[in-house]
């Protein structure tokens, strides 16, 4: 006697392009002005009215002070893209300092088995939050 075959309904498949979601923080509308700046050894893609969290800057700055980033790598206005070599001359990004703080505690642990050796240290990295006000 032949075994009864069970059929399962096929699932609808969608194309990969239809299900692809944009990466968080990378959404851009057509013609949006953005820039890529370098600070603290890292690069950040910024646009006006965006708040970014960066490494604490040296010197004494307070909440509400204007921060100028002159290491601008790229500026794009939607039609025209300017790329520096390595930086754009005359380009700058301005922002205002909104908050200073320290990040979550990072635990550093050294351990050697069978020798009763255990060292623990903690570290909180200082940061600042800057609201981008102008890209020039």
C-alpha atoms as a PDB file:
ATOM      1  CA  UNK A   1       0.000   0.000   0.000  1.00  0.00           C
ATOM      2  CA  UNK A   2       1.511   3.350  -1.030  1.00  0.00           C
ATOM      3  CA  UNK A   3       2.153   5.914   1.707  1.00  0.00           C
ATOM      4  CA  UNK A   4       0.010   9.019   1.647  1.00  0.00           C
ATOM      5  CA  UNK A   5       2.060  11.990   0.631  1.00  0.00           C
ATOM      6  CA  UNK A   6       1.565  15.208   2.509  1.00  0.00           C
ATOM      7  CA  UNK A   7       1.914  18.444   0.643  1.00  0.00           C
ATOM      8  CA  UNK A   8       2.765  21.639   2.384  1.00  0.00           C
ATOM      9  CA  UNK A   9       1.720  24.967   0.929  1.00  0.00           C
ATOM     10  CA  UNK A  10       4.556  26.952  -0.574  1.00  0.00           C
ATOM     11  CA  UNK A  11       5.515  30.177   1.110  1.00  0.00           C
ATOM     12  CA  UNK A  12       5.528  33.307  -0.956  1.00  0.00           C
ATOM     13  CA  UNK A  13       9.022  34.480  -1.628  1.00  0.00           C
ATOM     14  CA  UNK A  14       9.887  38.107  -2.031  1.00  0.00           C
ATOM     15  CA  UNK A  15      12.846  39.537  -3.809  1.00  0.00           C
ATOM     16  CA  UNK A  16      15.874  40.500  -1.765  1.00  0.00           C
ATOM     17  CA  UNK A  17      15.598  44.112  -2.909  1.00  0.00           C
ATOM     18  CA  UNK A  18      12.057  44.421  -1.591  1.00  0.00           C
ATOM     19  CA  UNK A  19      12.995  43.184   1.888  1.00  0.00           C
ATOM     20  CA  UNK A  20      16.282  45.050   2.206  1.00  0.00           C
ATOM     21  CA  UNK A  21      16.108  47.576   5.015  1.00  0.00           C
ATOM     22  CA  UNK A  22      18.345  50.644   5.232  1.00  0.00           C
ATOM     23  CA  UNK A  23      21.127  50.623   7.791  1.00  0.00           C
ATOM     24  CA  UNK A  24      20.246  52.597  10.912  1.00  0.00           C
ATOM     25  CA  UNK A  25      21.649  56.119  10.812  1.00  0.00           C
ATOM     26  CA  UNK A  26      22.340  55.983   7.079  1.00  0.00           C
ATOM     27  CA  UNK A  27      18.959  57.135   5.761  1.00  0.00           C
ATOM     28  CA  UNK A  28      19.281  60.058   3.384  1.00  0.00           C
ATOM     29  CA  UNK A  29      16.699  61.982   1.485  1.00  0.00           C
ATOM     30  CA  UNK A  30      17.469  63.222  -1.993  1.00  0.00           C
ATOM     31  CA  UNK A  31      19.471  66.429  -1.867  1.00  0.00           C
ATOM     32  CA  UNK A  32      20.375  66.109   1.815  1.00  0.00           C
ATOM     33  CA  UNK A  33      23.590  67.877   2.760  1.00  0.00           C
ATOM     34  CA  UNK A  34      25.984  65.667   4.699  1.00  0.00           C
ATOM     35  CA  UNK A  35      29.676  65.534   5.492  1.00  0.00           C
ATOM     36  CA  UNK A  36      32.235  63.058   6.780  1.00  0.00           C
ATOM     37  CA  UNK A  37      34.446  64.426   9.560  1.00  0.00           C
ATOM     38  CA  UNK A  38      37.343  62.989  11.513  1.00  0.00           C
ATOM     39  CA  UNK A  39      37.752  63.468  15.245  1.00  0.00           C
ATOM     40  CA  UNK A  40      39.213  61.335  18.000  1.00  0.00           C
ATOM     41  CA  UNK A  41      40.778  58.972  15.452  1.00  0.00           C
ATOM     42  CA  UNK A  42      37.348  58.016  14.093  1.00  0.00           C
ATOM     43  CA  UNK A  43      35.232  59.132  11.133  1.00  0.00           C
ATOM     44  CA  UNK A  44      31.617  60.238  11.456  1.00  0.00           C
ATOM     45  CA  UNK A  45      28.974  60.872   8.793  1.00  0.00           C
ATOM     46  CA  UNK A  46      27.029  63.938   9.951  1.00  0.00           C
ATOM     47  CA  UNK A  47      24.202  66.131   8.738  1.00  0.00           C
ATOM     48  CA  UNK A  48      22.674  69.299  10.133  1.00  0.00           C
ATOM     49  CA  UNK A  49      20.572  69.038  13.311  1.00  0.00           C
ATOM     50  CA  UNK A  50      22.073  65.597  14.096  1.00  0.00           C
ATOM     51  CA  UNK A  51      23.414  64.827  17.585  1.00  0.00           C
ATOM     52  CA  UNK A  52      26.604  62.738  17.638  1.00  0.00           C
ATOM     53  CA  UNK A  53      28.498  61.178  20.537  1.00  0.00           C
ATOM     54  CA  UNK A  54      32.263  61.548  20.174  1.00  0.00           C
ATOM     55  CA  UNK A  55      35.431  61.142  22.227  1.00  0.00           C
ATOM     56  CA  UNK A  56      36.047  63.957  24.690  1.00  0.00           C
ATOM     57  CA  UNK A  57      38.001  66.829  23.146  1.00  0.00           C
ATOM     58  CA  UNK A  58      41.087  68.243  24.833  1.00  0.00           C
ATOM     59  CA  UNK A  59      40.884  71.680  26.386  1.00  0.00           C
ATOM     60  CA  UNK A  60      38.229  73.277  28.508  1.00  0.00           C
ATOM     61  CA  UNK A  61      34.864  73.469  26.806  1.00  0.00           C
ATOM     62  CA  UNK A  62      31.492  73.840  28.455  1.00  0.00           C
ATOM     63  CA  UNK A  63      27.894  73.077  27.562  1.00  0.00           C
ATOM     64  CA  UNK A  64      26.660  75.520  24.924  1.00  0.00           C
ATOM     65  CA  UNK A  65      30.123  76.264  23.477  1.00  0.00           C
ATOM     66  CA  UNK A  66      30.639  76.161  19.710  1.00  0.00           C
ATOM     67  CA  UNK A  67      32.807  73.281  18.456  1.00  0.00           C
ATOM     68  CA  UNK A  68      34.428  73.568  15.007  1.00  0.00           C
ATOM     69  CA  UNK A  69      35.583  70.458  13.127  1.00  0.00           C
ATOM     70  CA  UNK A  70      38.075  71.411  10.402  1.00  0.00           C
ATOM     71  CA  UNK A  71      39.111  67.873   9.424  1.00  0.00           C
ATOM     72  CA  UNK A  72      36.376  67.393   6.808  1.00  0.00           C
ATOM     73  CA  UNK A  73      36.946  64.431   4.485  1.00  0.00           C
ATOM     74  CA  UNK A  74      33.855  64.677   2.254  1.00  0.00           C
ATOM     75  CA  UNK A  75      30.898  67.000   1.614  1.00  0.00           C
ATOM     76  CA  UNK A  76      27.854  65.965  -0.426  1.00  0.00           C
ATOM     77  CA  UNK A  77      24.837  68.152  -1.230  1.00  0.00           C
ATOM     78  CA  UNK A  78      22.889  65.573  -3.262  1.00  0.00           C
ATOM     79  CA  UNK A  79      24.137  66.776  -6.650  1.00  0.00           C
ATOM     80  CA  UNK A  80      27.821  67.448  -6.113  1.00  0.00           C
ATOM     81  CA  UNK A  81      30.335  65.520  -4.030  1.00  0.00           C
ATOM     82  CA  UNK A  82      33.626  67.032  -2.889  1.00  0.00           C
ATOM     83  CA  UNK A  83      36.304  64.635  -1.667  1.00  0.00           C
ATOM     84  CA  UNK A  84      39.418  65.825   0.158  1.00  0.00           C
ATOM     85  CA  UNK A  85      42.977  64.645  -0.220  1.00  0.00           C
ATOM     86  CA  UNK A  86      42.980  63.843   2.737  1.00  0.00           C
ATOM     87  CA  UNK A  87      40.973  66.882   3.960  1.00  0.00           C
ATOM     88  CA  UNK A  88      38.951  69.540   2.160  1.00  0.00           C
ATOM     89  CA  UNK A  89      40.554  72.972   2.336  1.00  0.00           C
ATOM     90  CA  UNK A  90      38.260  75.669   3.680  1.00  0.00           C
ATOM     91  CA  UNK A  91      35.496  73.249   4.666  1.00  0.00           C
ATOM     92  CA  UNK A  92      34.333  73.067   8.260  1.00  0.00           C
ATOM     93  CA  UNK A  93      31.495  71.676  10.328  1.00  0.00           C
ATOM     94  CA  UNK A  94      30.173  73.581  13.324  1.00  0.00           C
ATOM     95  CA  UNK A  95      28.260  72.248  16.289  1.00  0.00           C
ATOM     96  CA  UNK A  96      27.283  73.110  19.833  1.00  0.00           C
ATOM     97  CA  UNK A  97      28.237  71.056  22.851  1.00  0.00           C
ATOM     98  CA  UNK A  98      25.106  69.627  24.443  1.00  0.00           C
ATOM     99  CA  UNK A  99      26.352  67.199  27.084  1.00  0.00           C
ATOM    100  CA  UNK A 100      29.492  65.830  28.693  1.00  0.00           C
ATOM    101  CA  UNK A 101      29.551  62.451  30.369  1.00  0.00           C
ATOM    102  CA  UNK A 102      31.166  59.099  30.913  1.00  0.00           C
ATOM    103  CA  UNK A 103      30.205  55.824  29.250  1.00  0.00           C
ATOM    104  CA  UNK A 104      29.363  52.495  30.826  1.00  0.00           C
ATOM    105  CA  UNK A 105      32.034  50.865  32.951  1.00  0.00           C
ATOM    106  CA  UNK A 106      34.300  48.460  31.123  1.00  0.00           C
ATOM    107  CA  UNK A 107      35.849  45.720  33.260  1.00  0.00           C
ATOM    108  CA  UNK A 108      39.411  44.657  32.549  1.00  0.00           C
ATOM    109  CA  UNK A 109      40.278  41.270  34.028  1.00  0.00           C
ATOM    110  CA  UNK A 110      43.558  39.391  34.264  1.00  0.00           C
ATOM    111  CA  UNK A 111      43.331  35.825  35.511  1.00  0.00           C
ATOM    112  CA  UNK A 112      45.738  32.921  35.716  1.00  0.00           C
ATOM    113  CA  UNK A 113      44.304  29.526  36.549  1.00  0.00           C
ATOM    114  CA  UNK A 114      45.688  27.424  39.408  1.00  0.00           C
ATOM    115  CA  UNK A 115      47.845  30.215  40.808  1.00  0.00           C
ATOM    116  CA  UNK A 116      45.315  32.374  42.675  1.00  0.00           C
ATOM    117  CA  UNK A 117      46.080  35.351  40.444  1.00  0.00           C
ATOM    118  CA  UNK A 118      43.187  37.715  39.721  1.00  0.00           C
ATOM    119  CA  UNK A 119      43.370  41.450  38.921  1.00  0.00           C
ATOM    120  CA  UNK A 120      40.348  43.575  38.108  1.00  0.00           C
ATOM    121  CA  UNK A 121      40.222  47.167  36.908  1.00  0.00           C
ATOM    122  CA  UNK A 122      37.367  49.311  35.698  1.00  0.00           C
ATOM    123  CA  UNK A 123      37.317  52.138  33.185  1.00  0.00           C
ATOM    124  CA  UNK A 124      34.692  54.664  32.055  1.00  0.00           C
ATOM    125  CA  UNK A 125      35.460  56.442  28.787  1.00  0.00           C
ATOM    126  CA  UNK A 126      34.583  60.167  28.761  1.00  0.00           C
ATOM    127  CA  UNK A 127      32.442  61.426  25.867  1.00  0.00           C
ATOM    128  CA  UNK A 128      30.665  64.545  24.648  1.00  0.00           C
ATOM    129  CA  UNK A 129      27.452  64.965  22.665  1.00  0.00           C
ATOM    130  CA  UNK A 130      27.551  67.583  19.916  1.00  0.00           C
ATOM    131  CA  UNK A 131      24.608  68.876  17.875  1.00  0.00           C
ATOM    132  CA  UNK A 132      25.687  69.733  14.335  1.00  0.00           C
ATOM    133  CA  UNK A 133      24.502  73.240  13.441  1.00  0.00           C
ATOM    134  CA  UNK A 134      26.188  74.052  10.118  1.00  0.00           C
ATOM    135  CA  UNK A 135      28.173  72.424   7.320  1.00  0.00           C
ATOM    136  CA  UNK A 136      30.263  74.981   5.406  1.00  0.00           C
END
